[in-house]
């Protein structure tokens, strides 16, 4: 599996634990200030202020050459669906 750092919103303990069990590096969205690859949040009240320049490295920083953070709203999704999205880096098939 590709090494992915996933920042998970406070209160989504089942998602955090499920992602850890699947081998993902999981950090707290609200307090982690280093590069991340994805954010898992729930609902429509996501605070964009949690994402800082520290979370999104410049393109020239080596391993994380895909600039940006993949965001997943976990509302109504299983951990398995979230894992699939993280591995494929898209939400659903385009057909």
PDB file of N, CA and C in Angstrom:
ATOM      1  N   UNK A   1       0.832  -1.176   0.000  1.00  0.00           N
ATOM      2  CA  UNK A   1       0.000   0.000   0.000  1.00  0.00           C
ATOM      3  C   UNK A   1       0.881   1.246   0.000  1.00  0.00           C
ATOM      4  N   UNK A   2       0.388   2.268  -0.651  1.00  0.00           N
ATOM      5  CA  UNK A   2       1.077   3.548  -0.693  1.00  0.00           C
ATOM      6  C   UNK A   2       0.964   4.207   0.676  1.00  0.00           C
ATOM      7  N   UNK A   3       2.050   4.825   1.135  1.00  0.00           N
ATOM      8  CA  UNK A   3       2.055   5.510   2.422  1.00  0.00           C
ATOM      9  C   UNK A   3       1.255   6.799   2.302  1.00  0.00           C
ATOM     10  N   UNK A   4       0.190   6.901   3.074  1.00  0.00           N
ATOM     11  CA  UNK A   4      -0.690   8.067   3.036  1.00  0.00           C
ATOM     12  C   UNK A   4      -0.911   8.546   4.460  1.00  0.00           C
ATOM     13  N   UNK A   5      -0.772   9.863   4.667  1.00  0.00           N
ATOM     14  CA  UNK A   5      -1.089  10.457   5.958  1.00  0.00           C
ATOM     15  C   UNK A   5      -2.476  11.065   5.850  1.00  0.00           C
ATOM     16  N   UNK A   6      -3.382  10.588   6.712  1.00  0.00           N
ATOM     17  CA  UNK A   6      -4.775  11.024   6.675  1.00  0.00           C
ATOM     18  C   UNK A   6      -5.094  11.778   7.956  1.00  0.00           C
ATOM     19  N   UNK A   7      -5.547  13.013   7.810  1.00  0.00           N
ATOM     20  CA  UNK A   7      -5.986  13.815   8.954  1.00  0.00           C
ATOM     21  C   UNK A   7      -7.489  13.611   9.106  1.00  0.00           C
ATOM     22  N   UNK A   8      -7.903  13.200  10.299  1.00  0.00           N
ATOM     23  CA  UNK A   8      -9.323  12.896  10.548  1.00  0.00           C
ATOM     24  C   UNK A   8      -9.873  13.875  11.578  1.00  0.00           C
ATOM     25  N   UNK A   9     -11.073  14.369  11.292  1.00  0.00           N
ATOM     26  CA  UNK A   9     -11.749  15.329  12.160  1.00  0.00           C
ATOM     27  C   UNK A   9     -12.049  14.740  13.533  1.00  0.00           C
ATOM     28  N   UNK A  10     -11.969  15.564  14.539  1.00  0.00           N
ATOM     29  CA  UNK A  10     -12.286  15.173  15.911  1.00  0.00           C
ATOM     30  C   UNK A  10     -13.703  14.589  15.970  1.00  0.00           C
ATOM     31  N   UNK A  11     -13.841  13.499  16.728  1.00  0.00           N
ATOM     32  CA  UNK A  11     -15.144  12.872  16.904  1.00  0.00           C
ATOM     33  C   UNK A  11     -15.423  11.708  15.976  1.00  0.00           C
ATOM     34  N   UNK A  12     -14.582  11.502  14.980  1.00  0.00           N
ATOM     35  CA  UNK A  12     -14.778  10.396  14.042  1.00  0.00           C
ATOM     36  C   UNK A  12     -13.891   9.214  14.445  1.00  0.00           C
ATOM     37  N   UNK A  13     -14.063   8.785  15.692  1.00  0.00           N
ATOM     38  CA  UNK A  13     -13.201   7.739  16.252  1.00  0.00           C
ATOM     39  C   UNK A  13     -13.294   6.417  15.511  1.00  0.00           C
ATOM     40  N   UNK A  14     -14.492   6.041  15.079  1.00  0.00           N
ATOM     41  CA  UNK A  14     -14.640   4.775  14.349  1.00  0.00           C
ATOM     42  C   UNK A  14     -13.874   4.830  13.026  1.00  0.00           C
ATOM     43  N   UNK A  15     -13.915   5.970  12.367  1.00  0.00           N
ATOM     44  CA  UNK A  15     -13.176   6.139  11.114  1.00  0.00           C
ATOM     45  C   UNK A  15     -11.674   6.098  11.391  1.00  0.00           C
ATOM     46  N   UNK A  16     -11.220   6.827  12.411  1.00  0.00           N
ATOM     47  CA  UNK A  16      -9.802   6.816  12.778  1.00  0.00           C
ATOM     48  C   UNK A  16      -9.308   5.403  13.022  1.00  0.00           C
ATOM     49  N   UNK A  17     -10.028   4.676  13.862  1.00  0.00           N
ATOM     50  CA  UNK A  17      -9.610   3.313  14.198  1.00  0.00           C
ATOM     51  C   UNK A  17      -9.638   2.395  12.988  1.00  0.00           C
ATOM     52  N   UNK A  18     -10.658   2.521  12.161  1.00  0.00           N
ATOM     53  CA  UNK A  18     -10.763   1.694  10.965  1.00  0.00           C
ATOM     54  C   UNK A  18      -9.627   1.944   9.992  1.00  0.00           C
ATOM     55  N   UNK A  19      -9.265   3.214   9.809  1.00  0.00           N
ATOM     56  CA  UNK A  19      -8.165   3.534   8.899  1.00  0.00           C
ATOM     57  C   UNK A  19      -6.829   3.044   9.442  1.00  0.00           C
ATOM     58  N   UNK A  20      -6.642   3.158  10.758  1.00  0.00           N
ATOM     59  CA  UNK A  20      -5.417   2.642  11.376  1.00  0.00           C
ATOM     60  C   UNK A  20      -5.316   1.134  11.173  1.00  0.00           C
ATOM     61  N   UNK A  21      -6.430   0.425  11.346  1.00  0.00           N
ATOM     62  CA  UNK A  21      -6.445  -1.032  11.155  1.00  0.00           C
ATOM     63  C   UNK A  21      -6.085  -1.410   9.724  1.00  0.00           C
ATOM     64  N   UNK A  22      -6.392  -0.532   8.773  1.00  0.00           N
ATOM     65  CA  UNK A  22      -6.096  -0.795   7.359  1.00  0.00           C
ATOM     66  C   UNK A  22      -4.690  -0.340   6.975  1.00  0.00           C
ATOM     67  N   UNK A  23      -3.921   0.179   7.953  1.00  0.00           N
ATOM     68  CA  UNK A  23      -2.534   0.520   7.698  1.00  0.00           C
ATOM     69  C   UNK A  23      -2.239   1.964   7.355  1.00  0.00           C
ATOM     70  N   UNK A  24      -3.218   2.841   7.464  1.00  0.00           N
ATOM     71  CA  UNK A  24      -2.991   4.249   7.170  1.00  0.00           C
ATOM     72  C   UNK A  24      -2.382   4.953   8.374  1.00  0.00           C
ATOM     73  N   UNK A  25      -1.559   5.951   8.111  1.00  0.00           N
ATOM     74  CA  UNK A  25      -1.050   6.832   9.153  1.00  0.00           C
ATOM     75  C   UNK A  25      -2.150   7.858   9.407  1.00  0.00           C
ATOM     76  N   UNK A  26      -2.699   7.871  10.618  1.00  0.00           N
ATOM     77  CA  UNK A  26      -3.833   8.735  10.940  1.00  0.00           C
ATOM     78  C   UNK A  26      -3.407   9.769  11.979  1.00  0.00           C
ATOM     79  N   UNK A  27      -3.743  11.040  11.699  1.00  0.00           N
ATOM     80  CA  UNK A  27      -3.408  12.144  12.597  1.00  0.00           C
ATOM     81  C   UNK A  27      -4.669  12.956  12.865  1.00  0.00           C
ATOM     82  N   UNK A  28      -4.599  13.808  13.889  1.00  0.00           N
ATOM     83  CA  UNK A  28      -5.740  14.665  14.231  1.00  0.00           C
ATOM     84  C   UNK A  28      -5.746  15.898  13.334  1.00  0.00           C
ATOM     85  N   UNK A  29      -6.858  16.118  12.673  1.00  0.00           N
ATOM     86  CA  UNK A  29      -6.996  17.243  11.757  1.00  0.00           C
ATOM     87  C   UNK A  29      -6.757  18.580  12.445  1.00  0.00           C
ATOM     88  N   UNK A  30      -7.293  18.731  13.624  1.00  0.00           N
ATOM     89  CA  UNK A  30      -7.278  20.025  14.292  1.00  0.00           C
ATOM     90  C   UNK A  30      -5.914  20.430  14.859  1.00  0.00           C
ATOM     91  N   UNK A  31      -5.014  19.468  15.066  1.00  0.00           N
ATOM     92  CA  UNK A  31      -3.752  19.793  15.732  1.00  0.00           C
ATOM     93  C   UNK A  31      -2.498  19.461  14.937  1.00  0.00           C
ATOM     94  N   UNK A  32      -2.588  18.665  13.903  1.00  0.00           N
ATOM     95  CA  UNK A  32      -1.404  18.226  13.152  1.00  0.00           C
ATOM     96  C   UNK A  32      -0.985  19.328  12.181  1.00  0.00           C
ATOM     97  N   UNK A  33       0.268  19.745  12.227  1.00  0.00           N
ATOM     98  CA  UNK A  33       0.708  20.853  11.371  1.00  0.00           C
ATOM     99  C   UNK A  33       1.878  20.467  10.470  1.00  0.00           C
ATOM    100  N   UNK A  34       1.801  19.268   9.919  1.00  0.00           N
ATOM    101  CA  UNK A  34       2.818  18.791   8.984  1.00  0.00           C
ATOM    102  C   UNK A  34       2.107  18.329   7.721  1.00  0.00           C
ATOM    103  N   UNK A  35       2.844  18.020   6.663  1.00  0.00           N
ATOM    104  CA  UNK A  35       2.188  17.621   5.416  1.00  0.00           C
ATOM    105  C   UNK A  35       1.237  16.425   5.578  1.00  0.00           C
ATOM    106  N   UNK A  36       0.087  16.530   4.938  1.00  0.00           N
ATOM    107  CA  UNK A  36      -0.912  15.456   4.918  1.00  0.00           C
ATOM    108  C   UNK A  36      -1.313  15.201   3.475  1.00  0.00           C
ATOM    109  N   UNK A  37      -1.871  14.028   3.241  1.00  0.00           N
ATOM    110  CA  UNK A  37      -2.319  13.676   1.899  1.00  0.00           C
ATOM    111  C   UNK A  37      -3.824  13.765   1.744  1.00  0.00           C
ATOM    112  N   UNK A  38      -4.543  13.565   2.850  1.00  0.00           N
ATOM    113  CA  UNK A  38      -6.002  13.555   2.770  1.00  0.00           C
ATOM    114  C   UNK A  38      -6.610  14.017   4.083  1.00  0.00           C
ATOM    115  N   UNK A  39      -7.853  14.477   3.979  1.00  0.00           N
ATOM    116  CA  UNK A  39      -8.648  14.876   5.139  1.00  0.00           C
ATOM    117  C   UNK A  39      -9.952  14.112   5.090  1.00  0.00           C
ATOM    118  N   UNK A  40     -10.351  13.563   6.238  1.00  0.00           N
ATOM    119  CA  UNK A  40     -11.666  12.949   6.357  1.00  0.00           C
ATOM    120  C   UNK A  40     -12.429  13.774   7.390  1.00  0.00           C
ATOM    121  N   UNK A  41     -13.572  14.279   6.972  1.00  0.00           N
ATOM    122  CA  UNK A  41     -14.421  15.094   7.829  1.00  0.00           C
ATOM    123  C   UNK A  41     -15.853  14.605   7.682  1.00  0.00           C
ATOM    124  N   UNK A  42     -16.770  15.203   8.445  1.00  0.00           N
ATOM    125  CA  UNK A  42     -18.166  14.771   8.332  1.00  0.00           C
ATOM    126  C   UNK A  42     -19.075  15.986   8.276  1.00  0.00           C
ATOM    127  N   UNK A  43     -20.071  15.906   7.430  1.00  0.00           N
ATOM    128  CA  UNK A  43     -21.093  16.942   7.355  1.00  0.00           C
ATOM    129  C   UNK A  43     -20.688  18.135   6.521  1.00  0.00           C
ATOM    130  N   UNK A  44     -21.414  19.226   6.725  1.00  0.00           N
ATOM    131  CA  UNK A  44     -21.180  20.416   5.920  1.00  0.00           C
ATOM    132  C   UNK A  44     -20.578  21.565   6.718  1.00  0.00           C
ATOM    133  N   UNK A  45     -20.045  21.254   7.894  1.00  0.00           N
ATOM    134  CA  UNK A  45     -19.488  22.313   8.730  1.00  0.00           C
ATOM    135  C   UNK A  45     -17.969  22.243   8.824  1.00  0.00           C
ATOM    136  N   UNK A  46     -17.313  21.785   7.772  1.00  0.00           N
ATOM    137  CA  UNK A  46     -15.858  21.675   7.781  1.00  0.00           C
ATOM    138  C   UNK A  46     -15.223  23.057   7.894  1.00  0.00           C
ATOM    139  N   UNK A  47     -14.247  23.195   8.780  1.00  0.00           N
ATOM    140  CA  UNK A  47     -13.544  24.461   8.972  1.00  0.00           C
ATOM    141  C   UNK A  47     -12.269  24.453   8.140  1.00  0.00           C
ATOM    142  N   UNK A  48     -12.283  25.163   7.030  1.00  0.00           N
ATOM    143  CA  UNK A  48     -11.122  25.182   6.140  1.00  0.00           C
ATOM    144  C   UNK A  48      -9.887  25.753   6.836  1.00  0.00           C
ATOM    145  N   UNK A  49     -10.103  26.492   7.916  1.00  0.00           N
ATOM    146  CA  UNK A  49      -8.968  27.066   8.649  1.00  0.00           C
ATOM    147  C   UNK A  49      -8.080  25.994   9.270  1.00  0.00           C
ATOM    148  N   UNK A  50      -8.565  24.743   9.371  1.00  0.00           N
ATOM    149  CA  UNK A  50      -7.734  23.661   9.882  1.00  0.00           C
ATOM    150  C   UNK A  50      -6.608  23.299   8.918  1.00  0.00           C
ATOM    151  N   UNK A  51      -6.775  23.639   7.650  1.00  0.00           N
ATOM    152  CA  UNK A  51      -5.763  23.327   6.652  1.00  0.00           C
ATOM    153  C   UNK A  51      -4.858  24.543   6.498  1.00  0.00           C
ATOM    154  N   UNK A  52      -3.589  24.354   6.772  1.00  0.00           N
ATOM    155  CA  UNK A  52      -2.635  25.462   6.670  1.00  0.00           C
ATOM    156  C   UNK A  52      -1.593  25.157   5.602  1.00  0.00           C
ATOM    157  N   UNK A  53      -0.771  26.124   5.335  1.00  0.00           N
ATOM    158  CA  UNK A  53       0.317  25.930   4.372  1.00  0.00           C
ATOM    159  C   UNK A  53       1.242  24.803   4.828  1.00  0.00           C
ATOM    160  N   UNK A  54       1.338  24.588   6.129  1.00  0.00           N
ATOM    161  CA  UNK A  54       2.170  23.503   6.651  1.00  0.00           C
ATOM    162  C   UNK A  54       1.646  22.129   6.232  1.00  0.00           C
ATOM    163  N   UNK A  55       0.349  22.014   5.996  1.00  0.00           N
ATOM    164  CA  UNK A  55      -0.243  20.747   5.585  1.00  0.00           C
ATOM    165  C   UNK A  55      -0.083  20.471   4.093  1.00  0.00           C
ATOM    166  N   UNK A  56       0.232  21.497   3.319  1.00  0.00           N
ATOM    167  CA  UNK A  56       0.315  21.351   1.870  1.00  0.00           C
ATOM    168  C   UNK A  56       1.689  21.796   1.392  1.00  0.00           C
ATOM    169  N   UNK A  57       2.621  20.863   1.277  1.00  0.00           N
ATOM    170  CA  UNK A  57       3.992  21.213   0.891  1.00  0.00           C
ATOM    171  C   UNK A  57       4.079  21.691  -0.551  1.00  0.00           C
ATOM    172  N   UNK A  58       5.126  22.408  -0.838  1.00  0.00           N
ATOM    173  CA  UNK A  58       5.373  22.853  -2.205  1.00  0.00           C
ATOM    174  C   UNK A  58       5.632  21.636  -3.091  1.00  0.00           C
ATOM    175  N   UNK A  59       5.428  21.791  -4.361  1.00  0.00           N
ATOM    176  CA  UNK A  59       5.580  20.687  -5.302  1.00  0.00           C
ATOM    177  C   UNK A  59       6.991  20.120  -5.337  1.00  0.00           C
ATOM    178  N   UNK A  60       7.973  20.895  -4.978  1.00  0.00           N
ATOM    179  CA  UNK A  60       9.368  20.456  -5.102  1.00  0.00           C
ATOM    180  C   UNK A  60       9.869  19.668  -3.897  1.00  0.00           C
ATOM    181  N   UNK A  61       8.982  19.334  -2.948  1.00  0.00           N
ATOM    182  CA  UNK A  61       9.423  18.706  -1.704  1.00  0.00           C
ATOM    183  C   UNK A  61       9.563  17.188  -1.781  1.00  0.00           C
ATOM    184  N   UNK A  62       9.748  16.628  -2.943  1.00  0.00           N
ATOM    185  CA  UNK A  62      10.057  15.205  -3.026  1.00  0.00           C
ATOM    186  C   UNK A  62       8.862  14.291  -3.054  1.00  0.00           C
ATOM    187  N   UNK A  63       8.730  13.434  -2.037  1.00  0.00           N
ATOM    188  CA  UNK A  63       7.734  12.369  -2.008  1.00  0.00           C
ATOM    189  C   UNK A  63       6.313  12.853  -2.289  1.00  0.00           C
ATOM    190  N   UNK A  64       5.954  13.994  -1.782  1.00  0.00           N
ATOM    191  CA  UNK A  64       4.598  14.492  -1.940  1.00  0.00           C
ATOM    192  C   UNK A  64       4.511  15.454  -3.123  1.00  0.00           C
ATOM    193  N   UNK A  65       4.845  14.924  -4.288  1.00  0.00           N
ATOM    194  CA  UNK A  65       4.871  15.770  -5.476  1.00  0.00           C
ATOM    195  C   UNK A  65       3.474  16.069  -6.015  1.00  0.00           C
ATOM    196  N   UNK A  66       2.461  15.362  -5.576  1.00  0.00           N
ATOM    197  CA  UNK A  66       1.092  15.661  -5.982  1.00  0.00           C
ATOM    198  C   UNK A  66       0.544  16.718  -5.041  1.00  0.00           C
ATOM    199  N   UNK A  67       0.651  17.956  -5.443  1.00  0.00           N
ATOM    200  CA  UNK A  67       0.293  19.089  -4.601  1.00  0.00           C
ATOM    201  C   UNK A  67      -1.209  19.089  -4.301  1.00  0.00           C
ATOM    202  N   UNK A  68      -1.546  19.284  -3.057  1.00  0.00           N
ATOM    203  CA  UNK A  68      -2.940  19.380  -2.658  1.00  0.00           C
ATOM    204  C   UNK A  68      -3.306  18.335  -1.628  1.00  0.00           C
ATOM    205  N   UNK A  69      -4.541  18.454  -1.137  1.00  0.00           N
ATOM    206  CA  UNK A  69      -5.054  17.555  -0.109  1.00  0.00           C
ATOM    207  C   UNK A  69      -6.386  16.995  -0.599  1.00  0.00           C
ATOM    208  N   UNK A  70      -6.511  15.678  -0.607  1.00  0.00           N
ATOM    209  CA  UNK A  70      -7.737  14.999  -1.015  1.00  0.00           C
ATOM    210  C   UNK A  70      -8.708  15.045   0.158  1.00  0.00           C
ATOM    211  N   UNK A  71      -9.913  15.577  -0.056  1.00  0.00           N
ATOM    212  CA  UNK A  71     -10.885  15.731   1.020  1.00  0.00           C
ATOM    213  C   UNK A  71     -12.061  14.783   0.826  1.00  0.00           C
ATOM    214  N   UNK A  72     -12.414  14.080   1.910  1.00  0.00           N
ATOM    215  CA  UNK A  72     -13.515  13.114   1.868  1.00  0.00           C
ATOM    216  C   UNK A  72     -14.515  13.447   2.966  1.00  0.00           C
ATOM    217  N   UNK A  73     -15.767  13.657   2.584  1.00  0.00           N
ATOM    218  CA  UNK A  73     -16.841  13.816   3.548  1.00  0.00           C
ATOM    219  C   UNK A  73     -17.310  12.406   3.902  1.00  0.00           C
ATOM    220  N   UNK A  74     -17.144  12.013   5.151  1.00  0.00           N
ATOM    221  CA  UNK A  74     -17.440  10.638   5.567  1.00  0.00           C
ATOM    222  C   UNK A  74     -18.923  10.371   5.807  1.00  0.00           C
ATOM    223  N   UNK A  75     -19.748  11.400   5.745  1.00  0.00           N
ATOM    224  CA  UNK A  75     -21.174  11.247   6.023  1.00  0.00           C
ATOM    225  C   UNK A  75     -21.800  10.196   5.102  1.00  0.00           C
ATOM    226  N   UNK A  76     -22.333   9.143   5.696  1.00  0.00           N
ATOM    227  CA  UNK A  76     -22.992   8.083   4.939  1.00  0.00           C
ATOM    228  C   UNK A  76     -22.053   7.083   4.290  1.00  0.00           C
ATOM    229  N   UNK A  77     -20.772   7.148   4.600  1.00  0.00           N
ATOM    230  CA  UNK A  77     -19.808   6.231   3.993  1.00  0.00           C
ATOM    231  C   UNK A  77     -19.251   5.262   5.034  1.00  0.00           C
ATOM    232  N   UNK A  78     -18.956   4.064   4.604  1.00  0.00           N
ATOM    233  CA  UNK A  78     -18.320   3.085   5.476  1.00  0.00           C
ATOM    234  C   UNK A  78     -16.811   3.313   5.444  1.00  0.00           C
ATOM    235  N   UNK A  79     -16.130   2.727   6.413  1.00  0.00           N
ATOM    236  CA  UNK A  79     -14.671   2.806   6.408  1.00  0.00           C
ATOM    237  C   UNK A  79     -14.127   2.168   5.130  1.00  0.00           C
ATOM    238  N   UNK A  80     -14.723   1.079   4.700  1.00  0.00           N
ATOM    239  CA  UNK A  80     -14.292   0.419   3.469  1.00  0.00           C
ATOM    240  C   UNK A  80     -14.402   1.332   2.257  1.00  0.00           C
ATOM    241  N   UNK A  81     -15.473   2.096   2.166  1.00  0.00           N
ATOM    242  CA  UNK A  81     -15.636   3.038   1.056  1.00  0.00           C
ATOM    243  C   UNK A  81     -14.581   4.144   1.120  1.00  0.00           C
ATOM    244  N   UNK A  82     -14.299   4.618   2.326  1.00  0.00           N
ATOM    245  CA  UNK A  82     -13.282   5.659   2.506  1.00  0.00           C
ATOM    246  C   UNK A  82     -11.908   5.125   2.124  1.00  0.00           C
ATOM    247  N   UNK A  83     -11.595   3.901   2.540  1.00  0.00           N
ATOM    248  CA  UNK A  83     -10.318   3.282   2.183  1.00  0.00           C
ATOM    249  C   UNK A  83     -10.193   3.187   0.667  1.00  0.00           C
ATOM    250  N   UNK A  84     -11.254   2.764   0.004  1.00  0.00           N
ATOM    251  CA  UNK A  84     -11.240   2.646  -1.454  1.00  0.00           C
ATOM    252  C   UNK A  84     -10.979   4.002  -2.105  1.00  0.00           C
ATOM    253  N   UNK A  85     -11.618   5.046  -1.598  1.00  0.00           N
ATOM    254  CA  UNK A  85     -11.401   6.389  -2.137  1.00  0.00           C
ATOM    255  C   UNK A  85      -9.962   6.846  -1.940  1.00  0.00           C
ATOM    256  N   UNK A  86      -9.407   6.562  -0.766  1.00  0.00           N
ATOM    257  CA  UNK A  86      -8.026   6.961  -0.488  1.00  0.00           C
ATOM    258  C   UNK A  86      -7.044   6.236  -1.402  1.00  0.00           C
ATOM    259  N   UNK A  87      -7.276   4.959  -1.640  1.00  0.00           N
ATOM    260  CA  UNK A  87      -6.378   4.193  -2.494  1.00  0.00           C
ATOM    261  C   UNK A  87      -6.441   4.647  -3.945  1.00  0.00           C
ATOM    262  N   UNK A  88      -7.651   4.965  -4.412  1.00  0.00           N
ATOM    263  CA  UNK A  88      -7.836   5.339  -5.817  1.00  0.00           C
ATOM    264  C   UNK A  88      -7.773   6.845  -6.047  1.00  0.00           C
ATOM    265  N   UNK A  89      -7.898   7.619  -4.973  1.00  0.00           N
ATOM    266  CA  UNK A  89      -7.902   9.083  -5.020  1.00  0.00           C
ATOM    267  C   UNK A  89      -8.999   9.635  -5.917  1.00  0.00           C
ATOM    268  N   UNK A  90     -10.153   8.995  -5.865  1.00  0.00           N
ATOM    269  CA  UNK A  90     -11.346   9.549  -6.492  1.00  0.00           C
ATOM    270  C   UNK A  90     -12.570   9.030  -5.756  1.00  0.00           C
ATOM    271  N   UNK A  91     -13.700   9.684  -5.991  1.00  0.00           N
ATOM    272  CA  UNK A  91     -14.909   9.407  -5.221  1.00  0.00           C
ATOM    273  C   UNK A  91     -15.731   8.240  -5.763  1.00  0.00           C
ATOM    274  N   UNK A  92     -15.866   8.136  -7.061  1.00  0.00           N
ATOM    275  CA  UNK A  92     -16.672   7.070  -7.645  1.00  0.00           C
ATOM    276  C   UNK A  92     -16.276   6.881  -9.112  1.00  0.00           C
ATOM    277  N   UNK A  93     -16.651   5.749  -9.672  1.00  0.00           N
ATOM    278  CA  UNK A  93     -16.358   5.545 -11.104  1.00  0.00           C
ATOM    279  C   UNK A  93     -17.039   6.621 -11.954  1.00  0.00           C
ATOM    280  N   UNK A  94     -16.426   6.948 -13.041  1.00  0.00           N
ATOM    281  CA  UNK A  94     -16.966   8.001 -13.920  1.00  0.00           C
ATOM    282  C   UNK A  94     -17.802   7.435 -15.054  1.00  0.00           C
ATOM    283  N   UNK A  95     -18.379   6.284 -14.887  1.00  0.00           N
ATOM    284  CA  UNK A  95     -19.224   5.715 -15.951  1.00  0.00           C
ATOM    285  C   UNK A  95     -20.602   5.452 -15.462  1.00  0.00           C
TER     286      UNK A  95
END
